[in-house]
Amino acid sequence: METPEVEKMEKNAGTVDRIVRVVIGIILLYAVATGMVQGIPMYIAGILGLMMLVTAALAYCPLYPAMKINTATKQK
């Protein structure tokens, strides 16, 4: 029985991209934690903040392949 091919998640977010994502993620989560945003925007900001931190930690953005973007440096 053959196993299906799994597409490898190659890093596609560079250092500057990752730093910007961390900063934005922290700002969004800070706004949620301090009550600067409330209601539905609070949930949206919380989810976006977590997504920013996760994509920065993994150095992979799932939207980049669809848009053919790669900010990571090419290593030989």
N, C-alpha and C. Protein backbone atom coordinates (compact mmCIF):
# COMPACT_ATOMS: atom_id res chain seq x y z
N MET A 1 0.85 -1.18 0.00
CA MET A 1 0.00 0.00 0.00
C MET A 1 0.89 1.24 0.00
N GLU A 2 0.66 2.12 -0.95
CA GLU A 2 1.47 3.33 -1.05
C GLU A 2 0.91 4.43 -0.16
N THR A 3 1.83 5.18 0.40
CA THR A 3 1.40 6.32 1.18
C THR A 3 1.32 7.54 0.26
N PRO A 4 0.34 8.39 0.48
CA PRO A 4 0.22 9.56 -0.39
C PRO A 4 1.38 10.52 -0.16
N GLU A 5 1.75 11.21 -1.23
CA GLU A 5 2.83 12.19 -1.11
C GLU A 5 2.35 13.38 -0.31
N VAL A 6 3.18 13.81 0.61
CA VAL A 6 2.85 14.95 1.44
C VAL A 6 3.74 16.10 1.01
N GLU A 7 3.12 17.25 0.78
CA GLU A 7 3.89 18.42 0.39
C GLU A 7 4.66 18.93 1.60
N LYS A 8 5.96 19.11 1.41
CA LYS A 8 6.81 19.56 2.50
C LYS A 8 6.63 21.06 2.73
N MET A 9 6.54 21.43 4.00
CA MET A 9 6.44 22.84 4.34
C MET A 9 7.84 23.44 4.36
N GLU A 10 8.23 24.05 3.26
CA GLU A 10 9.53 24.70 3.21
C GLU A 10 9.40 26.10 3.78
N LYS A 11 10.44 26.54 4.46
CA LYS A 11 10.41 27.88 5.04
C LYS A 11 10.25 28.90 3.93
N ASN A 12 9.30 29.81 4.11
CA ASN A 12 9.09 30.83 3.10
C ASN A 12 9.00 32.24 3.69
N ALA A 13 9.34 32.36 4.98
CA ALA A 13 9.33 33.66 5.65
C ALA A 13 10.74 33.99 6.12
N GLY A 14 11.24 35.13 5.67
CA GLY A 14 12.59 35.55 6.03
C GLY A 14 12.66 36.16 7.41
N THR A 15 13.85 36.57 7.81
CA THR A 15 14.09 37.09 9.16
C THR A 15 13.29 38.37 9.42
N VAL A 16 13.36 39.32 8.50
CA VAL A 16 12.63 40.58 8.70
C VAL A 16 11.13 40.31 8.75
N ASP A 17 10.65 39.46 7.88
CA ASP A 17 9.24 39.08 7.84
C ASP A 17 8.83 38.49 9.19
N ARG A 18 9.64 37.61 9.73
CA ARG A 18 9.33 36.96 11.01
C ARG A 18 9.33 37.96 12.16
N ILE A 19 10.27 38.90 12.15
CA ILE A 19 10.33 39.91 13.22
C ILE A 19 9.08 40.79 13.18
N VAL A 20 8.68 41.19 11.98
CA VAL A 20 7.46 42.01 11.84
C VAL A 20 6.25 41.24 12.34
N ARG A 21 6.18 39.95 12.01
CA ARG A 21 5.06 39.13 12.47
C ARG A 21 5.01 39.02 13.99
N VAL A 22 6.17 38.86 14.62
CA VAL A 22 6.21 38.76 16.08
C VAL A 22 5.74 40.07 16.71
N VAL A 23 6.23 41.18 16.19
CA VAL A 23 5.83 42.48 16.74
C VAL A 23 4.33 42.70 16.59
N ILE A 24 3.80 42.45 15.40
CA ILE A 24 2.36 42.62 15.18
C ILE A 24 1.55 41.66 16.06
N GLY A 25 2.01 40.42 16.17
CA GLY A 25 1.31 39.44 17.01
C GLY A 25 1.28 39.87 18.47
N ILE A 26 2.40 40.37 18.98
CA ILE A 26 2.44 40.81 20.37
C ILE A 26 1.53 42.02 20.59
N ILE A 27 1.54 42.96 19.65
CA ILE A 27 0.67 44.14 19.77
C ILE A 27 -0.80 43.73 19.78
N LEU A 28 -1.17 42.83 18.88
CA LEU A 28 -2.57 42.38 18.84
C LEU A 28 -2.98 41.66 20.12
N LEU A 29 -2.13 40.78 20.62
CA LEU A 29 -2.46 40.05 21.85
C LEU A 29 -2.46 40.98 23.06
N TYR A 30 -1.59 41.98 23.05
CA TYR A 30 -1.59 42.98 24.13
C TYR A 30 -2.92 43.76 24.13
N ALA A 31 -3.38 44.13 22.94
CA ALA A 31 -4.65 44.86 22.83
C ALA A 31 -5.81 44.02 23.35
N VAL A 32 -5.77 42.72 23.08
CA VAL A 32 -6.82 41.83 23.58
C VAL A 32 -6.72 41.67 25.09
N ALA A 33 -5.52 41.46 25.61
CA ALA A 33 -5.33 41.20 27.04
C ALA A 33 -5.67 42.42 27.89
N THR A 34 -5.45 43.61 27.39
CA THR A 34 -5.71 44.82 28.17
C THR A 34 -7.11 45.37 27.95
N GLY A 35 -7.88 44.77 27.07
CA GLY A 35 -9.25 45.21 26.84
C GLY A 35 -9.36 46.40 25.90
N MET A 36 -8.33 46.68 25.13
CA MET A 36 -8.38 47.79 24.18
C MET A 36 -9.41 47.53 23.08
N VAL A 37 -9.61 46.27 22.77
CA VAL A 37 -10.65 45.89 21.80
C VAL A 37 -11.62 44.96 22.50
N GLN A 38 -12.88 45.07 22.13
CA GLN A 38 -13.90 44.25 22.77
C GLN A 38 -14.87 43.73 21.73
N GLY A 39 -15.62 42.74 22.10
CA GLY A 39 -16.61 42.15 21.21
C GLY A 39 -15.96 41.29 20.14
N ILE A 40 -16.56 41.28 18.97
CA ILE A 40 -16.06 40.46 17.87
C ILE A 40 -14.65 40.84 17.45
N PRO A 41 -14.31 42.15 17.38
CA PRO A 41 -12.93 42.50 17.03
C PRO A 41 -11.88 41.92 17.99
N MET A 42 -12.28 41.70 19.25
CA MET A 42 -11.36 41.10 20.22
C MET A 42 -10.99 39.68 19.79
N TYR A 43 -11.97 38.92 19.35
CA TYR A 43 -11.71 37.55 18.92
C TYR A 43 -10.88 37.52 17.63
N ILE A 44 -11.20 38.43 16.73
CA ILE A 44 -10.44 38.50 15.48
C ILE A 44 -8.99 38.88 15.76
N ALA A 45 -8.78 39.88 16.63
CA ALA A 45 -7.41 40.31 16.98
C ALA A 45 -6.66 39.18 17.68
N GLY A 46 -7.33 38.45 18.55
CA GLY A 46 -6.69 37.34 19.25
C GLY A 46 -6.26 36.23 18.31
N ILE A 47 -7.14 35.88 17.39
CA ILE A 47 -6.81 34.83 16.42
C ILE A 47 -5.69 35.28 15.50
N LEU A 48 -5.77 36.51 15.00
CA LEU A 48 -4.71 37.02 14.12
C LEU A 48 -3.38 37.12 14.86
N GLY A 49 -3.41 37.55 16.12
CA GLY A 49 -2.18 37.64 16.91
C GLY A 49 -1.52 36.28 17.08
N LEU A 50 -2.33 35.27 17.40
CA LEU A 50 -1.79 33.92 17.54
C LEU A 50 -1.26 33.39 16.22
N MET A 51 -1.99 33.65 15.13
CA MET A 51 -1.54 33.19 13.81
C MET A 51 -0.21 33.84 13.44
N MET A 52 -0.06 35.12 13.75
CA MET A 52 1.20 35.81 13.45
C MET A 52 2.36 35.17 14.21
N LEU A 53 2.15 34.86 15.49
CA LEU A 53 3.22 34.27 16.28
C LEU A 53 3.56 32.85 15.80
N VAL A 54 2.55 32.09 15.45
CA VAL A 54 2.79 30.71 14.98
C VAL A 54 3.53 30.72 13.65
N THR A 55 3.08 31.57 12.71
CA THR A 55 3.76 31.60 11.42
C THR A 55 5.18 32.13 11.55
N ALA A 56 5.41 33.02 12.50
CA ALA A 56 6.78 33.51 12.73
C ALA A 56 7.65 32.39 13.31
N ALA A 57 7.10 31.63 14.23
CA ALA A 57 7.86 30.54 14.86
C ALA A 57 8.19 29.44 13.85
N LEU A 58 7.26 29.16 12.94
CA LEU A 58 7.47 28.10 11.96
C LEU A 58 8.22 28.59 10.72
N ALA A 59 8.33 29.90 10.56
CA ALA A 59 8.94 30.51 9.37
C ALA A 59 8.21 30.07 8.10
N TYR A 60 6.92 29.86 8.23
CA TYR A 60 6.11 29.40 7.11
C TYR A 60 4.75 30.10 7.14
N CYS A 61 4.39 30.70 6.03
CA CYS A 61 3.07 31.31 5.89
C CYS A 61 2.30 30.50 4.85
N PRO A 62 1.15 29.92 5.22
CA PRO A 62 0.42 29.08 4.28
C PRO A 62 -0.17 29.85 3.08
N LEU A 63 -0.27 31.17 3.18
CA LEU A 63 -0.79 31.96 2.06
C LEU A 63 0.29 32.27 1.02
N TYR A 64 1.54 32.26 1.42
CA TYR A 64 2.62 32.63 0.50
C TYR A 64 2.73 31.73 -0.74
N PRO A 65 2.63 30.41 -0.63
CA PRO A 65 2.73 29.58 -1.84
C PRO A 65 1.63 29.91 -2.87
N ALA A 66 0.43 30.21 -2.39
CA ALA A 66 -0.66 30.54 -3.31
C ALA A 66 -0.39 31.84 -4.04
N MET A 67 0.32 32.76 -3.36
CA MET A 67 0.64 34.06 -3.98
C MET A 67 2.03 34.06 -4.60
N LYS A 68 2.70 32.91 -4.55
CA LYS A 68 4.06 32.76 -5.09
C LYS A 68 5.04 33.76 -4.48
N ILE A 69 4.97 33.89 -3.14
CA ILE A 69 5.86 34.79 -2.40
C ILE A 69 6.80 33.95 -1.56
N ASN A 70 8.06 34.37 -1.50
CA ASN A 70 9.03 33.71 -0.64
C ASN A 70 10.03 34.77 -0.18
N THR A 71 9.96 35.13 1.11
CA THR A 71 10.87 36.14 1.64
C THR A 71 12.07 35.51 2.32
N ALA A 72 12.14 34.20 2.35
CA ALA A 72 13.28 33.50 2.94
C ALA A 72 14.46 33.54 1.99
N THR A 73 15.65 33.58 2.55
CA THR A 73 16.85 33.59 1.71
C THR A 73 17.09 32.18 1.17
N LYS A 74 17.54 32.12 -0.03
CA LYS A 74 17.85 30.84 -0.66
C LYS A 74 19.20 30.34 -0.16
N GLN A 75 19.23 29.10 0.36
CA GLN A 75 20.50 28.50 0.81
C GLN A 75 20.88 27.40 -0.14
N LYS A 76 22.17 27.31 -0.44
CA LYS A 76 22.66 26.31 -1.38
C LYS A 76 23.07 25.05 -0.68
